[in-house]
Structures are given as structure tokens and as C-alpha cells.
């Protein structure tokens, strides 16, 4: 099969101005909950895009761990490639793709670290193996083999037993949105795209974009 011949007609839903929420966070909450209740695979998975000092963009998939009026939260190693890129350029973009619902949500904004208390609380809620793993993995660094990770995990497991503290190099980030876009697939490639842009006074401007 020629990959250029792959086609799909998007016909499951529509996104109109009258049916959408005036606040993008409320629209996101609605769509995320619909994705969860529809049991799409990993509805909490989102692509995170950052840009390094060399101006080369990079992406990876992370998991949303919280959201409210302050922004979108995830947790990771601060010394990883994404952490280093965010330290140099704190602007980033997120994307959710719920293929089964023919929907995409794009979010852009400034990224900040969450407070230590919030990071501590989430870290303690993780399974023990995941907490040990945060110590064992020098994320994004070159290692000789998987044996390095296994050895590190054994060492930190013996050191911390059942109470590993949060590593100082591990914690949360929060993206504070200033732009949202909601994409709903439609027939004949005439997709619905609604963009929300934060205004100086704090409210949101909602506009329809051509597909």
C-alpha cells in the first residue's frame, strides 16, 4: 500500500462557537473527561514540545498530572533534555490527540516549576518502584547498558528501603496557557478549529481558524 493513499473521513462530531465554552479550560475539561469516559488509550498522554539553545525543537510524550486555572502540570527530571531546554527557554507547547474522537487540543504558554510542597506530595503518591526509578535513571544521559539502571535501582532501593525522598533534580512543571486551540475533524477536510488567545485584561478571545 502506498502511504500517500491512506485516507480517513472525519465525521464523528462538530465544534461550533455556540456549543463551545467561552473559557478554554472548561472546554478542555469537557473534552478530557469525554476522552476518559470513552476509554480511549491513555487519554492523559500529551506531546510536549520545547526548543533548545540551538533553536532545534524536540518533542516527547509526557502525562498530565493536574490542571486548574493556574495551568497544566506534569512531572519529570529537571536535568533531562527537556529540563535543560526549559531552563534556557521557558516557553513550550502541549498537544493532546484523541484519535478515536477525532480531536486534538493544542496549548502554548510559559512554563514554571511547581512548588516543592506540591512536588513532594505528588512524589509520595507514586508507586515505590517509580520513586526508586526517579533516583536510578540519569534521564537523557548516555549509559553503557540497561544494567546501569538495574544496578542503580538496587542500590537506591537498599539505601532508601520503603521511604525514598523526592530527588532534588525531580519535580513538577506547570505550563501557564496563553493560547489554546481545539480541533475537531470534519468531513471533506473542512475541520473545525477554534483558537482562544489570552487578552491583556485576562479574558479570552475565541476565533475560528480555517483548516
Foldseek 3Di string as FASTA:
>chain_A
DPPVPDDDFFAQDADDPVPADQDVVVNVVVVLVVLVVVVQPQQQKKKKWFAAPVRDIDIDIFGFDDQDLQFTKGKDFCQAPRNNRCVVPQKMKMKGDRVVQQKMKIFIAGKDFDDPVVFQVVLVVDPQLVNLQRQQDPHNDDDDDCVSSVVSSVVVCVVQPRHRGHDPRIGMMGGGTQKMWMWHGHGPRQIWIWMWGADPVGGTDIDTDGD
